[in-house]
């Protein structure tokens, strides 16, 4: 997008770098979930999972900050008037990414982590 439309004042300059940074952070986050946190929770090791859960919550806040940066770069993920089909398709994909990530954060913070904490309290 930046290579083709970089001369336009409404081009999201820096978007590719921002998305690459988000990709790296999300891959690292998911690896920690899959290899550390989720196996701990599956084995019923909630007390030991408190630290990793705290890290995940902190990273979720960072992901929220990254989404705010994405929104700032892309005018709220709204393609400018006269944007080409590729630009509009990119923004549709970015909106889906945003929605999926917000849902991921909600499900973990407000359901998985809270249910894990509630299960620990009921066993105490």
PDB file of N, CA and C in Angstrom:
ATOM      1  N   UNK A   1       0.837  -1.183   0.000  1.00  0.00           N
ATOM      2  CA  UNK A   1       0.000   0.000   0.000  1.00  0.00           C
ATOM      3  C   UNK A   1       0.882   1.246   0.000  1.00  0.00           C
ATOM      4  N   UNK A   2       1.869   1.261   0.890  1.00  0.00           N
ATOM      5  CA  UNK A   2       2.731   2.432   0.982  1.00  0.00           C
ATOM      6  C   UNK A   2       3.575   2.614  -0.272  1.00  0.00           C
ATOM      7  N   UNK A   3       3.966   1.516  -0.905  1.00  0.00           N
ATOM      8  CA  UNK A   3       4.780   1.611  -2.118  1.00  0.00           C
ATOM      9  C   UNK A   3       3.977   2.180  -3.280  1.00  0.00           C
ATOM     10  N   UNK A   4       2.718   1.796  -3.348  1.00  0.00           N
ATOM     11  CA  UNK A   4       1.887   2.213  -4.478  1.00  0.00           C
ATOM     12  C   UNK A   4       1.249   3.579  -4.233  1.00  0.00           C
ATOM     13  N   UNK A   5       0.804   3.825  -3.010  1.00  0.00           N
ATOM     14  CA  UNK A   5       0.022   5.035  -2.717  1.00  0.00           C
ATOM     15  C   UNK A   5       0.718   5.979  -1.740  1.00  0.00           C
ATOM     16  N   UNK A   6       2.005   5.800  -1.527  1.00  0.00           N
ATOM     17  CA  UNK A   6       2.736   6.589  -0.540  1.00  0.00           C
ATOM     18  C   UNK A   6       2.682   8.083  -0.738  1.00  0.00           C
ATOM     19  N   UNK A   7       2.417   8.521  -1.962  1.00  0.00           N
ATOM     20  CA  UNK A   7       2.368   9.964  -2.232  1.00  0.00           C
ATOM     21  C   UNK A   7       1.051  10.596  -1.785  1.00  0.00           C
ATOM     22  N   UNK A   8       0.047   9.773  -1.542  1.00  0.00           N
ATOM     23  CA  UNK A   8      -1.251  10.306  -1.101  1.00  0.00           C
ATOM     24  C   UNK A   8      -1.165  10.739   0.356  1.00  0.00           C
ATOM     25  N   UNK A   9      -1.736  11.882   0.693  1.00  0.00           N
ATOM     26  CA  UNK A   9      -1.662  12.341   2.088  1.00  0.00           C
ATOM     27  C   UNK A   9      -2.438  11.433   3.054  1.00  0.00           C
ATOM     28  N   UNK A  10      -3.388  10.664   2.537  1.00  0.00           N
ATOM     29  CA  UNK A  10      -4.164   9.777   3.401  1.00  0.00           C
ATOM     30  C   UNK A  10      -3.605   8.355   3.430  1.00  0.00           C
ATOM     31  N   UNK A  11      -2.429   8.147   2.847  1.00  0.00           N
ATOM     32  CA  UNK A  11      -1.797   6.825   2.871  1.00  0.00           C
ATOM     33  C   UNK A  11      -1.295   6.540   4.283  1.00  0.00           C
ATOM     34  N   UNK A  12      -1.545   5.352   4.793  1.00  0.00           N
ATOM     35  CA  UNK A  12      -1.128   5.007   6.159  1.00  0.00           C
ATOM     36  C   UNK A  12       0.372   4.689   6.239  1.00  0.00           C
ATOM     37  N   UNK A  13       1.200   5.709   6.131  1.00  0.00           N
ATOM     38  CA  UNK A  13       2.651   5.528   6.159  1.00  0.00           C
ATOM     39  C   UNK A  13       3.057   4.971   7.521  1.00  0.00           C
ATOM     40  N   UNK A  14       3.796   3.877   7.492  1.00  0.00           N
ATOM     41  CA  UNK A  14       4.206   3.196   8.712  1.00  0.00           C
ATOM     42  C   UNK A  14       3.347   1.987   9.033  1.00  0.00           C
ATOM     43  N   UNK A  15       2.308   1.760   8.243  1.00  0.00           N
ATOM     44  CA  UNK A  15       1.393   0.645   8.511  1.00  0.00           C
ATOM     45  C   UNK A  15       2.094  -0.708   8.408  1.00  0.00           C
ATOM     46  N   UNK A  16       2.910  -0.900   7.396  1.00  0.00           N
ATOM     47  CA  UNK A  16       3.591  -2.193   7.228  1.00  0.00           C
ATOM     48  C   UNK A  16       4.477  -2.496   8.435  1.00  0.00           C
ATOM     49  N   UNK A  17       5.216  -1.511   8.902  1.00  0.00           N
ATOM     50  CA  UNK A  17       6.079  -1.715  10.074  1.00  0.00           C
ATOM     51  C   UNK A  17       5.243  -1.995  11.321  1.00  0.00           C
ATOM     52  N   UNK A  18       4.151  -1.275  11.460  1.00  0.00           N
ATOM     53  CA  UNK A  18       3.268  -1.476  12.622  1.00  0.00           C
ATOM     54  C   UNK A  18       2.686  -2.889  12.614  1.00  0.00           C
ATOM     55  N   UNK A  19       2.243  -3.337  11.456  1.00  0.00           N
ATOM     56  CA  UNK A  19       1.670  -4.685  11.359  1.00  0.00           C
ATOM     57  C   UNK A  19       2.728  -5.756  11.607  1.00  0.00           C
ATOM     58  N   UNK A  20       3.938  -5.531  11.167  1.00  0.00           N
ATOM     59  CA  UNK A  20       5.012  -6.495  11.418  1.00  0.00           C
ATOM     60  C   UNK A  20       5.309  -6.592  12.919  1.00  0.00           C
ATOM     61  N   UNK A  21       5.343  -5.463  13.587  1.00  0.00           N
ATOM     62  CA  UNK A  21       5.556  -5.476  15.037  1.00  0.00           C
ATOM     63  C   UNK A  21       4.404  -6.192  15.743  1.00  0.00           C
ATOM     64  N   UNK A  22       3.177  -5.949  15.298  1.00  0.00           N
ATOM     65  CA  UNK A  22       2.021  -6.633  15.883  1.00  0.00           C
ATOM     66  C   UNK A  22       2.118  -8.136  15.656  1.00  0.00           C
ATOM     67  N   UNK A  23       2.515  -8.538  14.454  1.00  0.00           N
ATOM     68  CA  UNK A  23       2.639  -9.968  14.147  1.00  0.00           C
ATOM     69  C   UNK A  23       3.636 -10.626  15.087  1.00  0.00           C
ATOM     70  N   UNK A  24       4.766 -10.003  15.275  1.00  0.00           N
ATOM     71  CA  UNK A  24       5.785 -10.580  16.155  1.00  0.00           C
ATOM     72  C   UNK A  24       5.274 -10.711  17.586  1.00  0.00           C
ATOM     73  N   UNK A  25       4.619  -9.678  18.077  1.00  0.00           N
ATOM     74  CA  UNK A  25       4.093  -9.707  19.444  1.00  0.00           C
ATOM     75  C   UNK A  25       2.985 -10.754  19.591  1.00  0.00           C
ATOM     76  N   UNK A  26       2.121 -10.844  18.606  1.00  0.00           N
ATOM     77  CA  UNK A  26       1.024 -11.815  18.686  1.00  0.00           C
ATOM     78  C   UNK A  26       1.538 -13.243  18.601  1.00  0.00           C
ATOM     79  N   UNK A  27       2.520 -13.492  17.748  1.00  0.00           N
ATOM     80  CA  UNK A  27       3.082 -14.845  17.662  1.00  0.00           C
ATOM     81  C   UNK A  27       3.749 -15.238  18.971  1.00  0.00           C
ATOM     82  N   UNK A  28       4.487 -14.332  19.572  1.00  0.00           N
ATOM     83  CA  UNK A  28       5.128 -14.599  20.858  1.00  0.00           C
ATOM     84  C   UNK A  28       4.069 -14.870  21.930  1.00  0.00           C
ATOM     85  N   UNK A  29       3.035 -14.064  21.936  1.00  0.00           N
ATOM     86  CA  UNK A  29       1.944 -14.206  22.907  1.00  0.00           C
ATOM     87  C   UNK A  29       1.263 -15.568  22.769  1.00  0.00           C
ATOM     88  N   UNK A  30       0.930 -15.931  21.545  1.00  0.00           N
ATOM     89  CA  UNK A  30       0.239 -17.205  21.334  1.00  0.00           C
ATOM     90  C   UNK A  30       1.123 -18.397  21.678  1.00  0.00           C
ATOM     91  N   UNK A  31       2.414 -18.283  21.421  1.00  0.00           N
ATOM     92  CA  UNK A  31       3.328 -19.365  21.773  1.00  0.00           C
ATOM     93  C   UNK A  31       3.340 -19.564  23.292  1.00  0.00           C
ATOM     94  N   UNK A  32       3.360 -18.478  24.052  1.00  0.00           N
ATOM     95  CA  UNK A  32       3.339 -18.585  25.516  1.00  0.00           C
ATOM     96  C   UNK A  32       2.032 -19.222  25.988  1.00  0.00           C
ATOM     97  N   UNK A  33       0.934 -18.840  25.353  1.00  0.00           N
ATOM     98  CA  UNK A  33      -0.351 -19.435  25.728  1.00  0.00           C
ATOM     99  C   UNK A  33      -0.353 -20.932  25.452  1.00  0.00           C
ATOM    100  N   UNK A  34       0.019 -21.296  24.238  1.00  0.00           N
ATOM    101  CA  UNK A  34      -0.058 -22.701  23.816  1.00  0.00           C
ATOM    102  C   UNK A  34       0.942 -23.598  24.547  1.00  0.00           C
ATOM    103  N   UNK A  35       2.136 -23.088  24.793  1.00  0.00           N
ATOM    104  CA  UNK A  35       3.184 -23.936  25.366  1.00  0.00           C
ATOM    105  C   UNK A  35       3.268 -23.871  26.885  1.00  0.00           C
ATOM    106  N   UNK A  36       2.788 -22.797  27.490  1.00  0.00           N
ATOM    107  CA  UNK A  36       2.941 -22.644  28.932  1.00  0.00           C
ATOM    108  C   UNK A  36       1.591 -22.564  29.643  1.00  0.00           C
ATOM    109  N   UNK A  37       0.824 -21.526  29.347  1.00  0.00           N
ATOM    110  CA  UNK A  37      -0.384 -21.243  30.119  1.00  0.00           C
ATOM    111  C   UNK A  37      -1.477 -22.287  29.949  1.00  0.00           C
ATOM    112  N   UNK A  38      -1.868 -22.563  28.733  1.00  0.00           N
ATOM    113  CA  UNK A  38      -2.983 -23.479  28.533  1.00  0.00           C
ATOM    114  C   UNK A  38      -2.703 -24.873  29.075  1.00  0.00           C
ATOM    115  N   UNK A  39      -1.495 -25.420  28.884  1.00  0.00           N
ATOM    116  CA  UNK A  39      -1.223 -26.723  29.507  1.00  0.00           C
ATOM    117  C   UNK A  39      -1.313 -26.674  31.036  1.00  0.00           C
ATOM    118  N   UNK A  40      -0.879 -25.573  31.643  1.00  0.00           N
ATOM    119  CA  UNK A  40      -0.984 -25.444  33.100  1.00  0.00           C
ATOM    120  C   UNK A  40      -2.452 -25.463  33.539  1.00  0.00           C
ATOM    121  N   UNK A  41      -3.272 -24.700  32.848  1.00  0.00           N
ATOM    122  CA  UNK A  41      -4.693 -24.651  33.201  1.00  0.00           C
ATOM    123  C   UNK A  41      -5.359 -25.996  32.967  1.00  0.00           C
ATOM    124  N   UNK A  42      -4.991 -26.672  31.886  1.00  0.00           N
ATOM    125  CA  UNK A  42      -5.580 -27.981  31.589  1.00  0.00           C
ATOM    126  C   UNK A  42      -5.225 -29.011  32.670  1.00  0.00           C
ATOM    127  N   UNK A  43      -4.061 -28.852  33.275  1.00  0.00           N
ATOM    128  CA  UNK A  43      -3.640 -29.772  34.344  1.00  0.00           C
ATOM    129  C   UNK A  43      -4.136 -29.328  35.718  1.00  0.00           C
ATOM    130  N   UNK A  44      -4.902 -28.247  35.763  1.00  0.00           N
ATOM    131  CA  UNK A  44      -5.444 -27.784  37.035  1.00  0.00           C
ATOM    132  C   UNK A  44      -4.427 -27.070  37.909  1.00  0.00           C
ATOM    133  N   UNK A  45      -3.428 -26.502  37.315  1.00  0.00           N
ATOM    134  CA  UNK A  45      -2.367 -25.833  38.063  1.00  0.00           C
ATOM    135  C   UNK A  45      -2.612 -24.328  38.154  1.00  0.00           C
ATOM    136  N   UNK A  46      -3.813 -23.948  38.571  1.00  0.00           N
ATOM    137  CA  UNK A  46      -4.201 -22.534  38.617  1.00  0.00           C
ATOM    138  C   UNK A  46      -3.282 -21.697  39.496  1.00  0.00           C
ATOM    139  N   UNK A  47      -2.900 -22.147  40.692  1.00  0.00           N
ATOM    140  CA  UNK A  47      -2.008 -21.294  41.497  1.00  0.00           C
ATOM    141  C   UNK A  47      -0.681 -20.995  40.778  1.00  0.00           C
ATOM    142  N   UNK A  48      -0.144 -21.985  40.119  1.00  0.00           N
ATOM    143  CA  UNK A  48       1.110 -21.795  39.389  1.00  0.00           C
ATOM    144  C   UNK A  48       0.913 -20.950  38.130  1.00  0.00           C
ATOM    145  N   UNK A  49      -0.311 -20.886  37.642  1.00  0.00           N
ATOM    146  CA  UNK A  49      -0.612 -20.135  36.422  1.00  0.00           C
ATOM    147  C   UNK A  49      -0.859 -18.650  36.690  1.00  0.00           C
ATOM    148  N   UNK A  50      -0.878 -18.255  37.947  1.00  0.00           N
ATOM    149  CA  UNK A  50      -1.167 -16.852  38.270  1.00  0.00           C
ATOM    150  C   UNK A  50      -0.164 -15.905  37.611  1.00  0.00           C
ATOM    151  N   UNK A  51       1.112 -16.272  37.644  1.00  0.00           N
ATOM    152  CA  UNK A  51       2.126 -15.430  37.006  1.00  0.00           C
ATOM    153  C   UNK A  51       1.936 -15.332  35.505  1.00  0.00           C
ATOM    154  N   UNK A  52       1.838 -16.475  34.811  1.00  0.00           N
ATOM    155  CA  UNK A  52       1.597 -16.396  33.361  1.00  0.00           C
ATOM    156  C   UNK A  52       0.299 -15.662  33.000  1.00  0.00           C
ATOM    157  N   UNK A  53      -0.741 -15.815  33.804  1.00  0.00           N
ATOM    158  CA  UNK A  53      -1.990 -15.092  33.537  1.00  0.00           C
ATOM    159  C   UNK A  53      -1.755 -13.595  33.654  1.00  0.00           C
ATOM    160  N   UNK A  54      -0.998 -13.201  34.660  1.00  0.00           N
ATOM    161  CA  UNK A  54      -0.679 -11.787  34.824  1.00  0.00           C
ATOM    162  C   UNK A  54       0.074 -11.256  33.604  1.00  0.00           C
ATOM    163  N   UNK A  55       1.015 -12.039  33.094  1.00  0.00           N
ATOM    164  CA  UNK A  55       1.763 -11.647  31.894  1.00  0.00           C
ATOM    165  C   UNK A  55       0.815 -11.529  30.706  1.00  0.00           C
ATOM    166  N   UNK A  56      -0.105 -12.483  30.550  1.00  0.00           N
ATOM    167  CA  UNK A  56      -1.043 -12.444  29.422  1.00  0.00           C
ATOM    168  C   UNK A  56      -1.931 -11.208  29.504  1.00  0.00           C
ATOM    169  N   UNK A  57      -2.403 -10.890  30.696  1.00  0.00           N
ATOM    170  CA  UNK A  57      -3.241  -9.695  30.849  1.00  0.00           C
ATOM    171  C   UNK A  57      -2.457  -8.438  30.468  1.00  0.00           C
ATOM    172  N   UNK A  58      -1.204  -8.354  30.911  1.00  0.00           N
ATOM    173  CA  UNK A  58      -0.365  -7.215  30.560  1.00  0.00           C
ATOM    174  C   UNK A  58      -0.177  -7.139  29.048  1.00  0.00           C
ATOM    175  N   UNK A  59       0.109  -8.271  28.425  1.00  0.00           N
ATOM    176  CA  UNK A  59       0.283  -8.290  26.966  1.00  0.00           C
ATOM    177  C   UNK A  59      -1.008  -7.924  26.257  1.00  0.00           C
ATOM    178  N   UNK A  60      -2.149  -8.307  26.819  1.00  0.00           N
ATOM    179  CA  UNK A  60      -3.429  -7.909  26.226  1.00  0.00           C
ATOM    180  C   UNK A  60      -3.563  -6.387  26.215  1.00  0.00           C
ATOM    181  N   UNK A  61      -3.092  -5.738  27.281  1.00  0.00           N
ATOM    182  CA  UNK A  61      -3.119  -4.274  27.310  1.00  0.00           C
ATOM    183  C   UNK A  61      -2.234  -3.711  26.202  1.00  0.00           C
ATOM    184  N   UNK A  62      -1.075  -4.324  26.007  1.00  0.00           N
ATOM    185  CA  UNK A  62      -0.184  -3.885  24.930  1.00  0.00           C
ATOM    186  C   UNK A  62      -0.823  -4.098  23.559  1.00  0.00           C
ATOM    187  N   UNK A  63      -1.538  -5.208  23.396  1.00  0.00           N
ATOM    188  CA  UNK A  63      -2.241  -5.449  22.128  1.00  0.00           C
ATOM    189  C   UNK A  63      -3.306  -4.374  21.902  1.00  0.00           C
ATOM    190  N   UNK A  64      -3.980  -3.975  22.980  1.00  0.00           N
ATOM    191  CA  UNK A  64      -4.952  -2.886  22.871  1.00  0.00           C
ATOM    192  C   UNK A  64      -4.291  -1.590  22.420  1.00  0.00           C
ATOM    193  N   UNK A  65      -3.102  -1.317  22.964  1.00  0.00           N
ATOM    194  CA  UNK A  65      -2.354  -0.132  22.530  1.00  0.00           C
ATOM    195  C   UNK A  65      -1.996  -0.233  21.048  1.00  0.00           C
ATOM    196  N   UNK A  66      -1.594  -1.428  20.621  1.00  0.00           N
ATOM    197  CA  UNK A  66      -1.250  -1.630  19.207  1.00  0.00           C
ATOM    198  C   UNK A  66      -2.471  -1.413  18.318  1.00  0.00           C
ATOM    199  N   UNK A  67      -3.638  -1.847  18.794  1.00  0.00           N
ATOM    200  CA  UNK A  67      -4.861  -1.619  18.018  1.00  0.00           C
ATOM    201  C   UNK A  67      -5.180  -0.135  17.934  1.00  0.00           C
ATOM    202  N   UNK A  68      -4.918   0.601  19.004  1.00  0.00           N
ATOM    203  CA  UNK A  68      -5.128   2.052  18.957  1.00  0.00           C
ATOM    204  C   UNK A  68      -4.192   2.680  17.930  1.00  0.00           C
ATOM    205  N   UNK A  69      -2.944   2.200  17.884  1.00  0.00           N
ATOM    206  CA  UNK A  69      -2.003   2.695  16.883  1.00  0.00           C
ATOM    207  C   UNK A  69      -2.464   2.371  15.475  1.00  0.00           C
ATOM    208  N   UNK A  70      -2.999   1.172  15.306  1.00  0.00           N
ATOM    209  CA  UNK A  70      -3.534   0.764  14.006  1.00  0.00           C
ATOM    210  C   UNK A  70      -4.675   1.685  13.596  1.00  0.00           C
ATOM    211  N   UNK A  71      -5.548   1.976  14.525  1.00  0.00           N
ATOM    212  CA  UNK A  71      -6.675   2.859  14.247  1.00  0.00           C
ATOM    213  C   UNK A  71      -6.191   4.263  13.884  1.00  0.00           C
ATOM    214  N   UNK A  72      -5.174   4.740  14.588  1.00  0.00           N
ATOM    215  CA  UNK A  72      -4.649   6.077  14.311  1.00  0.00           C
ATOM    216  C   UNK A  72      -4.025   6.139  12.915  1.00  0.00           C
ATOM    217  N   UNK A  73      -3.318   5.091  12.540  1.00  0.00           N
ATOM    218  CA  UNK A  73      -2.675   5.065  11.218  1.00  0.00           C
ATOM    219  C   UNK A  73      -3.683   4.989  10.072  1.00  0.00           C
ATOM    220  N   UNK A  74      -4.831   4.391  10.336  1.00  0.00           N
ATOM    221  CA  UNK A  74      -5.782   4.076   9.265  1.00  0.00           C
ATOM    222  C   UNK A  74      -7.098   4.851   9.350  1.00  0.00           C
ATOM    223  N   UNK A  75      -7.091   5.963  10.084  1.00  0.00           N
ATOM    224  CA  UNK A  75      -8.317   6.754  10.210  1.00  0.00           C
ATOM    225  C   UNK A  75      -9.478   5.907  10.715  1.00  0.00           C
ATOM    226  N   UNK A  76      -9.208   5.144  11.776  1.00  0.00           N
ATOM    227  CA  UNK A  76     -10.257   4.290  12.332  1.00  0.00           C
ATOM    228  C   UNK A  76     -10.554   3.078  11.478  1.00  0.00           C
ATOM    229  N   UNK A  77      -9.607   2.673  10.686  1.00  0.00           N
ATOM    230  CA  UNK A  77      -9.733   1.573   9.722  1.00  0.00           C
ATOM    231  C   UNK A  77     -10.867   1.865   8.739  1.00  0.00           C
ATOM    232  N   UNK A  78     -10.867   3.093   8.278  1.00  0.00           N
ATOM    233  CA  UNK A  78     -11.833   3.540   7.263  1.00  0.00           C
ATOM    234  C   UNK A  78     -11.031   3.958   6.040  1.00  0.00           C
ATOM    235  N   UNK A  79     -11.254   3.257   4.946  1.00  0.00           N
ATOM    236  CA  UNK A  79     -10.544   3.584   3.707  1.00  0.00           C
ATOM    237  C   UNK A  79     -10.986   4.953   3.202  1.00  0.00           C
ATOM    238  N   UNK A  80     -10.055   5.713   2.670  1.00  0.00           N
ATOM    239  CA  UNK A  80     -10.426   7.036   2.165  1.00  0.00           C
ATOM    240  C   UNK A  80     -11.297   6.923   0.908  1.00  0.00           C
ATOM    241  N   UNK A  81     -11.996   7.990   0.641  1.00  0.00           N
ATOM    242  CA  UNK A  81     -12.801   7.987  -0.584  1.00  0.00           C
ATOM    243  C   UNK A  81     -11.864   7.853  -1.774  1.00  0.00           C
ATOM    244  N   UNK A  82     -12.295   7.105  -2.730  1.00  0.00           N
ATOM    245  CA  UNK A  82     -11.490   6.889  -3.917  1.00  0.00           C
ATOM    246  C   UNK A  82     -10.412   5.831  -3.752  1.00  0.00           C
ATOM    247  N   UNK A  83     -10.431   5.132  -2.625  1.00  0.00           N
ATOM    248  CA  UNK A  83      -9.440   4.071  -2.407  1.00  0.00           C
ATOM    249  C   UNK A  83      -9.683   2.932  -3.384  1.00  0.00           C
ATOM    250  N   UNK A  84      -8.590   2.315  -3.834  1.00  0.00           N
ATOM    251  CA  UNK A  84      -8.703   1.203  -4.768  1.00  0.00           C
ATOM    252  C   UNK A  84      -9.233  -0.046  -4.052  1.00  0.00           C
ATOM    253  N   UNK A  85      -9.584  -1.056  -4.847  1.00  0.00           N
ATOM    254  CA  UNK A  85     -10.109  -2.307  -4.280  1.00  0.00           C
ATOM    255  C   UNK A  85      -9.118  -2.953  -3.321  1.00  0.00           C
ATOM    256  N   UNK A  86      -7.844  -2.899  -3.619  1.00  0.00           N
ATOM    257  CA  UNK A  86      -6.832  -3.503  -2.755  1.00  0.00           C
ATOM    258  C   UNK A  86      -6.795  -2.795  -1.409  1.00  0.00           C
ATOM    259  N   UNK A  87      -6.866  -1.497  -1.426  1.00  0.00           N
ATOM    260  CA  UNK A  87      -6.852  -0.708  -0.197  1.00  0.00           C
ATOM    261  C   UNK A  87      -8.078  -1.049   0.640  1.00  0.00           C
ATOM    262  N   UNK A  88      -9.238  -1.102   0.005  1.00  0.00           N
ATOM    263  CA  UNK A  88     -10.473  -1.433   0.730  1.00  0.00           C
ATOM    264  C   UNK A  88     -10.407  -2.856   1.278  1.00  0.00           C
ATOM    265  N   UNK A  89      -9.860  -3.790   0.499  1.00  0.00           N
ATOM    266  CA  UNK A  89      -9.732  -5.176   0.974  1.00  0.00           C
ATOM    267  C   UNK A  89      -8.778  -5.256   2.163  1.00  0.00           C
ATOM    268  N   UNK A  90      -7.688  -4.512   2.110  1.00  0.00           N
ATOM    269  CA  UNK A  90      -6.757  -4.467   3.234  1.00  0.00           C
ATOM    270  C   UNK A  90      -7.465  -3.992   4.491  1.00  0.00           C
ATOM    271  N   UNK A  91      -8.240  -2.946   4.371  1.00  0.00           N
ATOM    272  CA  UNK A  91      -8.927  -2.410   5.544  1.00  0.00           C
ATOM    273  C   UNK A  91     -10.007  -3.361   6.057  1.00  0.00           C
ATOM    274  N   UNK A  92     -10.651  -4.093   5.176  1.00  0.00           N
ATOM    275  CA  UNK A  92     -11.599  -5.115   5.635  1.00  0.00           C
ATOM    276  C   UNK A  92     -10.867  -6.169   6.454  1.00  0.00           C
ATOM    277  N   UNK A  93      -9.694  -6.582   5.972  1.00  0.00           N
ATOM    278  CA  UNK A  93      -8.890  -7.541   6.716  1.00  0.00           C
ATOM    279  C   UNK A  93      -8.415  -6.978   8.046  1.00  0.00           C
ATOM    280  N   UNK A  94      -8.032  -5.710   8.065  1.00  0.00           N
ATOM    281  CA  UNK A  94      -7.606  -5.083   9.317  1.00  0.00           C
ATOM    282  C   UNK A  94      -8.754  -4.996  10.317  1.00  0.00           C
ATOM    283  N   UNK A  95      -9.948  -4.711   9.827  1.00  0.00           N
ATOM    284  CA  UNK A  95     -11.115  -4.662  10.718  1.00  0.00           C
ATOM    285  C   UNK A  95     -11.394  -6.048  11.294  1.00  0.00           C
ATOM    286  N   UNK A  96     -11.244  -7.087  10.479  1.00  0.00           N
ATOM    287  CA  UNK A  96     -11.439  -8.455  10.972  1.00  0.00           C
ATOM    288  C   UNK A  96     -10.374  -8.801  12.003  1.00  0.00           C
ATOM    289  N   UNK A  97      -9.130  -8.404  11.757  1.00  0.00           N
ATOM    290  CA  UNK A  97      -8.055  -8.629  12.723  1.00  0.00           C
ATOM    291  C   UNK A  97      -8.380  -7.948  14.038  1.00  0.00           C
ATOM    292  N   UNK A  98      -8.787  -6.697  13.959  1.00  0.00           N
ATOM    293  CA  UNK A  98      -9.155  -5.952  15.168  1.00  0.00           C
ATOM    294  C   UNK A  98     -10.273  -6.659  15.929  1.00  0.00           C
ATOM    295  N   UNK A  99     -11.322  -7.042  15.219  1.00  0.00           N
ATOM    296  CA  UNK A  99     -12.461  -7.689  15.874  1.00  0.00           C
ATOM    297  C   UNK A  99     -12.059  -9.022  16.504  1.00  0.00           C
ATOM    298  N   UNK A 100     -11.255  -9.806  15.796  1.00  0.00           N
ATOM    299  CA  UNK A 100     -10.801 -11.097  16.333  1.00  0.00           C
ATOM    300  C   UNK A 100      -9.930 -10.900  17.563  1.00  0.00           C
ATOM    301  N   UNK A 101      -9.045  -9.924  17.523  1.00  0.00           N
ATOM    302  CA  UNK A 101      -8.153  -9.694  18.653  1.00  0.00           C
ATOM    303  C   UNK A 101      -8.918  -9.176  19.859  1.00  0.00           C
ATOM    304  N   UNK A 102      -9.849  -8.281  19.644  1.00  0.00           N
ATOM    305  CA  UNK A 102     -10.687  -7.787  20.750  1.00  0.00           C
ATOM    306  C   UNK A 102     -11.473  -8.945  21.359  1.00  0.00           C
ATOM    307  N   UNK A 103     -12.008  -9.830  20.529  1.00  0.00           N
ATOM    308  CA  UNK A 103     -12.742 -10.990  21.025  1.00  0.00           C
ATOM    309  C   UNK A 103     -11.826 -11.924  21.807  1.00  0.00           C
ATOM    310  N   UNK A 104     -10.626 -12.167  21.301  1.00  0.00           N
ATOM    311  CA  UNK A 104      -9.631 -13.007  21.979  1.00  0.00           C
ATOM    312  C   UNK A 104      -9.345 -12.454  23.378  1.00  0.00           C
ATOM    313  N   UNK A 105      -9.079 -11.171  23.442  1.00  0.00           N
ATOM    314  CA  UNK A 105      -8.759 -10.540  24.723  1.00  0.00           C
ATOM    315  C   UNK A 105      -9.942 -10.646  25.673  1.00  0.00           C
ATOM    316  N   UNK A 106     -11.131 -10.377  25.181  1.00  0.00           N
ATOM    317  CA  UNK A 106     -12.331 -10.472  26.028  1.00  0.00           C
ATOM    318  C   UNK A 106     -12.523 -11.891  26.560  1.00  0.00           C
ATOM    319  N   UNK A 107     -12.448 -12.881  25.680  1.00  0.00           N
ATOM    320  CA  UNK A 107     -12.684 -14.263  26.103  1.00  0.00           C
ATOM    321  C   UNK A 107     -11.673 -14.702  27.165  1.00  0.00           C
ATOM    322  N   UNK A 108     -10.426 -14.351  26.971  1.00  0.00           N
ATOM    323  CA  UNK A 108      -9.422 -14.766  27.949  1.00  0.00           C
ATOM    324  C   UNK A 108      -9.547 -13.971  29.242  1.00  0.00           C
ATOM    325  N   UNK A 109      -9.553 -12.653  29.163  1.00  0.00           N
ATOM    326  CA  UNK A 109      -9.578 -11.842  30.378  1.00  0.00           C
ATOM    327  C   UNK A 109     -10.854 -12.025  31.186  1.00  0.00           C
ATOM    328  N   UNK A 110     -11.994 -12.065  30.522  1.00  0.00           N
ATOM    329  CA  UNK A 110     -13.274 -12.029  31.222  1.00  0.00           C
ATOM    330  C   UNK A 110     -13.944 -13.376  31.392  1.00  0.00           C
ATOM    331  N   UNK A 111     -13.461 -14.395  30.708  1.00  0.00           N
ATOM    332  CA  UNK A 111     -14.083 -15.714  30.843  1.00  0.00           C
ATOM    333  C   UNK A 111     -13.050 -16.729  31.310  1.00  0.00           C
ATOM    334  N   UNK A 112     -12.060 -17.020  30.506  1.00  0.00           N
ATOM    335  CA  UNK A 112     -11.086 -18.052  30.851  1.00  0.00           C
ATOM    336  C   UNK A 112     -10.349 -17.729  32.150  1.00  0.00           C
ATOM    337  N   UNK A 113      -9.771 -16.555  32.241  1.00  0.00           N
ATOM    338  CA  UNK A 113      -8.985 -16.230  33.422  1.00  0.00           C
ATOM    339  C   UNK A 113      -9.876 -16.071  34.648  1.00  0.00           C
ATOM    340  N   UNK A 114     -11.051 -15.450  34.483  1.00  0.00           N
ATOM    341  CA  UNK A 114     -11.960 -15.296  35.616  1.00  0.00           C
ATOM    342  C   UNK A 114     -12.523 -16.638  36.064  1.00  0.00           C
ATOM    343  N   UNK A 115     -12.844 -17.546  35.114  1.00  0.00           N
ATOM    344  CA  UNK A 115     -13.330 -18.871  35.488  1.00  0.00           C
ATOM    345  C   UNK A 115     -12.241 -19.667  36.195  1.00  0.00           C
ATOM    346  N   UNK A 116     -11.007 -19.503  35.749  1.00  0.00           N
ATOM    347  CA  UNK A 116      -9.901 -20.191  36.406  1.00  0.00           C
ATOM    348  C   UNK A 116      -9.741 -19.703  37.825  1.00  0.00           C
ATOM    349  N   UNK A 117      -9.884 -18.394  38.021  1.00  0.00           N
ATOM    350  CA  UNK A 117      -9.772 -17.840  39.365  1.00  0.00           C
ATOM    351  C   UNK A 117     -10.936 -18.310  40.225  1.00  0.00           C
ATOM    352  N   UNK A 118     -12.137 -18.333  39.662  1.00  0.00           N
ATOM    353  CA  UNK A 118     -13.307 -18.781  40.419  1.00  0.00           C
ATOM    354  C   UNK A 118     -13.177 -20.252  40.802  1.00  0.00           C
ATOM    355  N   UNK A 119     -12.661 -21.070  39.895  1.00  0.00           N
ATOM    356  CA  UNK A 119     -12.472 -22.492  40.189  1.00  0.00           C
ATOM    357  C   UNK A 119     -11.455 -22.661  41.316  1.00  0.00           C
ATOM    358  N   UNK A 120     -10.430 -21.848  41.328  1.00  0.00           N
ATOM    359  CA  UNK A 120      -9.418 -21.930  42.383  1.00  0.00           C
ATOM    360  C   UNK A 120     -10.013 -21.544  43.724  1.00  0.00           C
ATOM    361  N   UNK A 121     -10.838 -20.507  43.761  1.00  0.00           N
ATOM    362  CA  UNK A 121     -11.456 -20.062  45.005  1.00  0.00           C
ATOM    363  C   UNK A 121     -12.395 -21.140  45.537  1.00  0.00           C
ATOM    364  N   UNK A 122     -13.149 -21.796  44.651  1.00  0.00           N
ATOM    365  CA  UNK A 122     -14.094 -22.821  45.095  1.00  0.00           C
ATOM    366  C   UNK A 122     -13.396 -24.069  45.608  1.00  0.00           C
ATOM    367  N   UNK A 123     -12.137 -24.289  45.204  1.00  0.00           N
ATOM    368  CA  UNK A 123     -11.381 -25.436  45.681  1.00  0.00           C
ATOM    369  C   UNK A 123     -10.594 -25.135  46.953  1.00  0.00           C
ATOM    370  N   UNK A 124     -10.562 -23.871  47.350  1.00  0.00           N
ATOM    371  CA  UNK A 124      -9.765 -23.493  48.510  1.00  0.00           C
ATOM    372  C   UNK A 124     -10.501 -23.758  49.813  1.00  0.00           C
TER     373      UNK A 124
END
